[in-house]
């Protein structure tokens, strides 16, 4: 996968942004109360050196920008995993994590006893690093399939089928922290592929909204993050208008489409918190089902 997204690096290690995501997920367990995303795996996956440093002083990752980003990260994973749980209860048994990076679900698969199979899609060198980190931390991912795919060029479904995915059965996808690093054409190509799968299939993904739709404070924060990401060599390439994107998804064949912005996410996951943890408005989460 040679695409410039947040979970890719060509030196055989995770990108700086992927490590930052994993770090903030680990800090969530150390600092925030109550927990929104129960993820005891994020900290050991980082390795003993980083884990020890974070345990000693997690407040190094508690500045206002990091807090807002932390809220967004745990909210998007919670949305995906809540939706996955609902679908598993309805009989779904195939889960694909697109641009998986250092996502930890495979190591804490709470639906394994029901037969849920996990497929992780990412750059092969990143996957090798992650598998080594999992082994070093003593973390078991069962029969998880690691599937290399380039979202810009490869046929997603053919690659997954070659790894054992049953395309005649429902599949649920989580695509988090990736779309903004892809071209709009590549994003719609992947969504089109998901829309061909059987009834009961679906996808949760986050996406960047156009800056002109943000308020002045959100726009300033968005600009700061954009500059930091670009400086890492991972510039944002796409944004979508929420209403137009919902129409496109319905045209592709998704029967159920729900867009979650900051108001909905804060009401659902961050209401009446003493610590004030919240998510901001630069990124929305879309849930689309067949």
Protein backbone atom coordinates (compact mmCIF):
# COMPACT_ATOMS: atom_id res chain seq x y z
CA UNK A 1 0.00 0.00 0.00
CA UNK A 2 1.79 3.08 -1.26
CA UNK A 3 -0.83 5.59 -0.30
CA UNK A 4 0.01 8.62 1.87
CA UNK A 5 -2.28 7.92 4.83
CA UNK A 6 -1.86 8.21 8.57
CA UNK A 7 -1.14 4.56 9.13
CA UNK A 8 1.64 4.08 6.57
CA UNK A 9 5.38 4.48 6.57
CA UNK A 10 7.88 2.79 4.29
CA UNK A 11 10.69 2.21 6.80
CA UNK A 12 8.96 -0.71 8.50
CA UNK A 13 7.62 1.29 11.42
CA UNK A 14 4.29 3.01 12.07
CA UNK A 15 4.02 6.63 11.00
CA UNK A 16 4.37 9.38 13.59
CA UNK A 17 0.64 10.08 13.41
CA UNK A 18 -0.24 6.41 13.91
CA UNK A 19 1.97 6.33 16.99
CA UNK A 20 0.34 9.51 18.24
CA UNK A 21 -3.10 7.95 17.88
CA UNK A 22 -2.00 4.86 19.80
CA UNK A 23 -0.39 7.01 22.48
CA UNK A 24 -3.52 9.09 23.02
CA UNK A 25 -5.68 5.96 23.22
CA UNK A 26 -3.33 4.68 25.93
CA UNK A 27 -3.46 8.01 27.79
CA UNK A 28 -7.26 7.82 27.76
CA UNK A 29 -7.06 4.78 30.04
CA UNK A 30 -4.56 6.51 32.33
CA UNK A 31 -6.21 9.91 32.75
CA UNK A 32 -9.87 10.01 31.77
CA UNK A 33 -12.83 9.15 33.98
CA UNK A 34 -15.16 7.59 33.02
CA UNK A 35 -13.61 5.56 30.21
CA UNK A 36 -15.31 5.89 26.82
CA UNK A 37 -13.23 3.21 25.07
CA UNK A 38 -12.03 0.30 27.17
CA UNK A 39 -8.67 -0.46 25.55
CA UNK A 40 -6.14 -2.08 27.91
CA UNK A 41 -4.05 -3.18 24.91
CA UNK A 42 -3.01 0.25 23.60
CA UNK A 43 -0.39 0.84 26.30
CA UNK A 44 1.54 -2.48 26.10
CA UNK A 45 1.45 -2.36 22.29
CA UNK A 46 3.60 0.78 22.41
CA UNK A 47 6.46 -1.18 23.96
CA UNK A 48 7.88 -1.17 27.47
CA UNK A 49 9.94 2.03 27.08
CA UNK A 50 7.04 4.19 25.92
CA UNK A 51 4.57 2.49 28.24
CA UNK A 52 6.79 3.13 31.27
CA UNK A 53 7.21 6.80 30.34
CA UNK A 54 3.46 7.29 29.91
CA UNK A 55 2.63 5.59 33.19
CA UNK A 56 5.14 7.86 34.93
CA UNK A 57 3.72 11.06 33.43
CA UNK A 58 0.64 10.79 31.18
CA UNK A 59 0.06 14.53 31.57
CA UNK A 60 2.69 15.16 28.89
CA UNK A 61 -0.16 14.31 26.48
CA UNK A 62 -2.85 16.39 28.17
CA UNK A 63 -2.52 19.80 26.52
CA UNK A 64 -5.79 21.22 25.12
CA UNK A 65 -5.04 20.11 21.55
CA UNK A 66 -4.19 16.57 22.65
CA UNK A 67 -7.30 16.40 24.84
CA UNK A 68 -9.57 17.38 21.95
CA UNK A 69 -7.89 14.91 19.63
CA UNK A 70 -8.09 12.20 22.31
CA UNK A 71 -11.82 12.74 22.59
CA UNK A 72 -12.24 12.42 18.83
CA UNK A 73 -10.14 9.25 18.64
CA UNK A 74 -11.93 7.35 21.37
CA UNK A 75 -15.33 8.48 20.11
CA UNK A 76 -14.74 7.22 16.58
CA UNK A 77 -13.56 3.81 17.80
CA UNK A 78 -16.47 3.56 20.21
CA UNK A 79 -18.96 4.30 17.41
CA UNK A 80 -17.40 1.58 15.25
CA UNK A 81 -17.30 -0.99 18.03
CA UNK A 82 -20.83 -0.24 19.22
CA UNK A 83 -22.10 -0.69 15.67
CA UNK A 84 -20.04 -3.87 15.28
CA UNK A 85 -21.55 -5.33 18.48
CA UNK A 86 -25.06 -4.64 17.22
CA UNK A 87 -24.31 -6.40 13.94
CA UNK A 88 -22.62 -9.38 15.59
CA UNK A 89 -25.77 -9.86 17.67
CA UNK A 90 -27.65 -9.94 14.35
CA UNK A 91 -25.39 -12.68 13.01
CA UNK A 92 -22.47 -10.89 11.31
CA UNK A 93 -19.15 -12.75 11.58
CA UNK A 94 -16.67 -10.77 9.41
CA UNK A 95 -15.00 -7.52 10.49
CA UNK A 96 -12.51 -5.56 8.36
CA UNK A 97 -10.33 -2.78 9.79
CA UNK A 98 -9.19 -0.62 6.88
CA UNK A 99 -5.91 1.26 7.35
CA UNK A 100 -5.59 -0.54 10.66
CA UNK A 101 -2.32 0.98 11.83
CA UNK A 102 -2.02 0.30 15.55
CA UNK A 103 -5.72 -0.44 16.08
CA UNK A 104 -6.05 -2.95 18.92
CA UNK A 105 -9.45 -4.59 18.40
CA UNK A 106 -7.99 -7.86 17.11
CA UNK A 107 -6.11 -8.30 20.40
CA UNK A 108 -9.25 -7.73 22.49
CA UNK A 109 -11.88 -9.31 20.25
CA UNK A 110 -14.81 -9.60 22.64
CA UNK A 111 -16.80 -11.45 19.96
CA UNK A 112 -14.23 -14.18 19.27
CA UNK A 113 -16.35 -16.82 21.02
CA UNK A 114 -19.16 -16.05 18.57
CA UNK A 115 -16.82 -16.68 15.64
CA UNK A 116 -16.06 -13.11 14.55
CA UNK A 117 -13.13 -13.13 12.09
CA UNK A 118 -10.99 -9.98 11.89
CA UNK A 119 -9.17 -8.76 8.77
CA UNK A 120 -6.65 -5.91 9.06
CA UNK A 121 -5.78 -3.95 5.92
CA UNK A 122 -2.61 -1.87 5.82
CA UNK A 123 0.92 -1.51 4.43
CA UNK A 124 2.84 -4.82 4.75
CA UNK A 125 5.86 -3.27 6.49
CA UNK A 126 3.61 -1.61 9.06
CA UNK A 127 1.87 -4.94 9.58
CA UNK A 128 5.20 -6.69 10.16
CA UNK A 129 6.18 -4.08 12.77
CA UNK A 130 2.82 -4.43 14.47
CA UNK A 131 2.96 -8.22 14.54
CA UNK A 132 6.39 -7.99 16.16
CA UNK A 133 5.09 -5.52 18.75
CA UNK A 134 2.11 -7.76 19.49
CA UNK A 135 4.39 -10.74 19.98
CA UNK A 136 6.77 -8.78 22.21
CA UNK A 137 3.84 -7.68 24.38
CA UNK A 138 2.43 -11.22 24.55
CA UNK A 139 -0.79 -10.19 22.82
CA UNK A 140 -2.80 -12.79 20.88
CA UNK A 141 -4.80 -11.80 17.78
CA UNK A 142 -6.11 -15.29 17.02
CA UNK A 143 -6.69 -15.98 13.32
CA UNK A 144 -6.65 -12.30 12.30
CA UNK A 145 -5.74 -11.93 8.62
CA UNK A 146 -3.25 -9.19 7.71
CA UNK A 147 -4.07 -8.01 4.18
CA UNK A 148 -1.89 -5.58 2.16
CA UNK A 149 -3.98 -3.18 0.02
CA UNK A 150 -3.35 0.11 -1.79
CA UNK A 151 -6.62 2.05 -1.65
CA UNK A 152 -5.63 4.11 -4.69
CA UNK A 153 -4.78 1.17 -6.96
CA UNK A 154 -5.72 -2.27 -5.62
CA UNK A 155 -9.02 -4.14 -5.81
CA UNK A 156 -10.06 -4.20 -2.15
CA UNK A 157 -12.54 -7.05 -2.32
CA UNK A 158 -10.28 -9.32 -4.39
CA UNK A 159 -7.47 -8.80 -1.88
CA UNK A 160 -9.79 -9.61 1.02
CA UNK A 161 -11.23 -12.65 -0.72
CA UNK A 162 -7.72 -13.97 -1.30
CA UNK A 163 -7.22 -13.70 2.49
CA UNK A 164 -10.37 -15.73 3.21
CA UNK A 165 -13.19 -13.16 3.27
CA UNK A 166 -16.60 -14.50 2.19
CA UNK A 167 -18.09 -11.82 -0.05
CA UNK A 168 -21.38 -13.73 -0.21
CA UNK A 169 -21.86 -13.06 3.52
CA UNK A 170 -22.29 -9.74 5.36
CA UNK A 171 -19.13 -7.79 6.20
CA UNK A 172 -18.66 -4.81 8.52
CA UNK A 173 -15.86 -2.30 7.95
CA UNK A 174 -14.21 0.27 10.22
CA UNK A 175 -12.25 2.91 8.29
CA UNK A 176 -10.89 5.36 10.84
CA UNK A 177 -8.28 8.07 10.41
CA UNK A 178 -7.71 7.27 6.74
CA UNK A 179 -10.09 8.97 4.31
CA UNK A 180 -8.64 12.46 4.77
CA UNK A 181 -5.26 11.18 3.53
CA UNK A 182 -6.75 9.77 0.32
CA UNK A 183 -8.10 11.44 -2.80
CA UNK A 184 -11.89 11.78 -3.02
CA UNK A 185 -11.83 9.32 -5.93
CA UNK A 186 -10.08 6.66 -3.84
CA UNK A 187 -12.54 7.15 -0.98
CA UNK A 188 -15.56 6.71 -3.26
CA UNK A 189 -13.93 3.71 -4.93
CA UNK A 190 -13.73 1.91 -1.59
CA UNK A 191 -17.26 2.90 -0.59
CA UNK A 192 -18.53 1.64 -3.95
CA UNK A 193 -16.89 -1.73 -3.30
CA UNK A 194 -18.50 -2.01 0.14
CA UNK A 195 -21.89 -1.15 -1.38
CA UNK A 196 -21.74 -4.30 -3.54
CA UNK A 197 -21.74 -6.62 -0.52
CA UNK A 198 -24.83 -8.46 0.78
CA UNK A 199 -27.56 -6.99 2.95
CA UNK A 200 -26.39 -6.70 6.54
CA UNK A 201 -23.02 -5.28 5.49
CA UNK A 202 -21.93 -1.80 6.52
CA UNK A 203 -19.14 0.65 7.21
CA UNK A 204 -18.23 3.29 9.78
CA UNK A 205 -15.70 5.88 8.68
CA UNK A 206 -14.59 9.34 9.69
CA UNK A 207 -13.98 12.15 7.24
CA UNK A 208 -12.92 15.77 7.21
CA UNK A 209 -15.53 18.45 6.58
CA UNK A 210 -14.67 21.56 4.51
CA UNK A 211 -13.03 24.28 6.59
CA UNK A 212 -15.65 26.83 5.48
CA UNK A 213 -18.25 24.84 7.43
CA UNK A 214 -16.37 25.28 10.72
CA UNK A 215 -16.73 28.07 13.25
CA UNK A 216 -13.73 30.40 13.77
CA UNK A 217 -12.34 28.49 16.76
CA UNK A 218 -12.69 25.12 15.01
CA UNK A 219 -11.11 26.58 11.90
CA UNK A 220 -8.08 27.78 13.85
CA UNK A 221 -7.61 24.39 15.55
CA UNK A 222 -8.16 22.63 12.24
CA UNK A 223 -5.45 24.79 10.66
CA UNK A 224 -2.95 23.98 13.42
CA UNK A 225 -3.52 20.24 13.11
CA UNK A 226 -3.36 20.44 9.32
CA UNK A 227 0.05 22.14 9.49
CA UNK A 228 1.37 19.53 11.94
CA UNK A 229 0.16 16.66 9.76
CA UNK A 230 1.64 18.19 6.61
CA UNK A 231 4.95 18.68 8.40
CA UNK A 232 4.99 14.92 9.07
CA UNK A 233 4.75 14.34 5.32
CA UNK A 234 1.13 13.16 5.53
CA UNK A 235 -1.00 16.01 4.14
CA UNK A 236 -4.79 15.87 4.08
CA UNK A 237 -6.12 15.33 0.56
CA UNK A 238 -9.91 15.24 0.85
CA UNK A 239 -12.94 16.67 2.59
CA UNK A 240 -16.67 16.09 2.08
CA UNK A 241 -19.84 18.06 2.63
CA UNK A 242 -21.95 15.93 5.01
CA UNK A 243 -25.25 16.34 3.14
CA UNK A 244 -23.70 15.66 -0.26
CA UNK A 245 -21.85 12.62 1.09
CA UNK A 246 -25.04 11.17 2.54
CA UNK A 247 -26.73 11.54 -0.86
CA UNK A 248 -23.80 9.83 -2.59
CA UNK A 249 -23.94 6.91 -0.17
CA UNK A 250 -27.65 6.41 -0.77
CA UNK A 251 -27.06 6.54 -4.52
CA UNK A 252 -24.42 3.81 -4.12
CA UNK A 253 -27.03 1.57 -2.49
CA UNK A 254 -26.66 2.10 1.26
CA UNK A 255 -30.13 1.96 2.76
CA UNK A 256 -29.27 3.37 6.18
CA UNK A 257 -27.00 6.40 6.48
CA UNK A 258 -26.28 8.38 9.66
CA UNK A 259 -23.87 11.28 10.03
CA UNK A 260 -22.52 12.03 13.50
CA UNK A 261 -21.05 15.45 14.16
CA UNK A 262 -19.65 16.83 17.42
CA UNK A 263 -23.06 17.64 18.92
CA UNK A 264 -24.28 14.07 18.50
CA UNK A 265 -21.00 12.53 19.66
CA UNK A 266 -20.67 14.74 22.72
CA UNK A 267 -24.27 14.03 23.74
CA UNK A 268 -23.77 10.29 23.27
CA UNK A 269 -20.35 9.77 24.89
CA UNK A 270 -19.22 12.88 26.78
CA UNK A 271 -22.30 14.29 28.54
CA UNK A 272 -21.95 15.56 32.13
CA UNK A 273 -18.28 14.64 32.52
CA UNK A 274 -16.32 16.23 35.35
CA UNK A 275 -13.10 16.18 33.31
CA UNK A 276 -14.66 18.07 30.37
CA UNK A 277 -13.41 15.61 27.72
CA UNK A 278 -15.12 16.36 24.41
CA UNK A 279 -14.68 16.09 20.66
CA UNK A 280 -14.49 18.97 18.18
CA UNK A 281 -16.07 19.75 14.83
CA UNK A 282 -13.43 19.27 12.15
CA UNK A 283 -14.20 15.59 11.55
CA UNK A 284 -17.54 13.76 11.29
CA UNK A 285 -18.30 10.04 11.55
CA UNK A 286 -20.51 8.35 8.97
CA UNK A 287 -22.37 5.08 9.53
CA UNK A 288 -23.69 3.46 6.36
CA UNK A 289 -25.46 0.11 6.15
CA UNK A 290 -26.81 -2.15 3.43
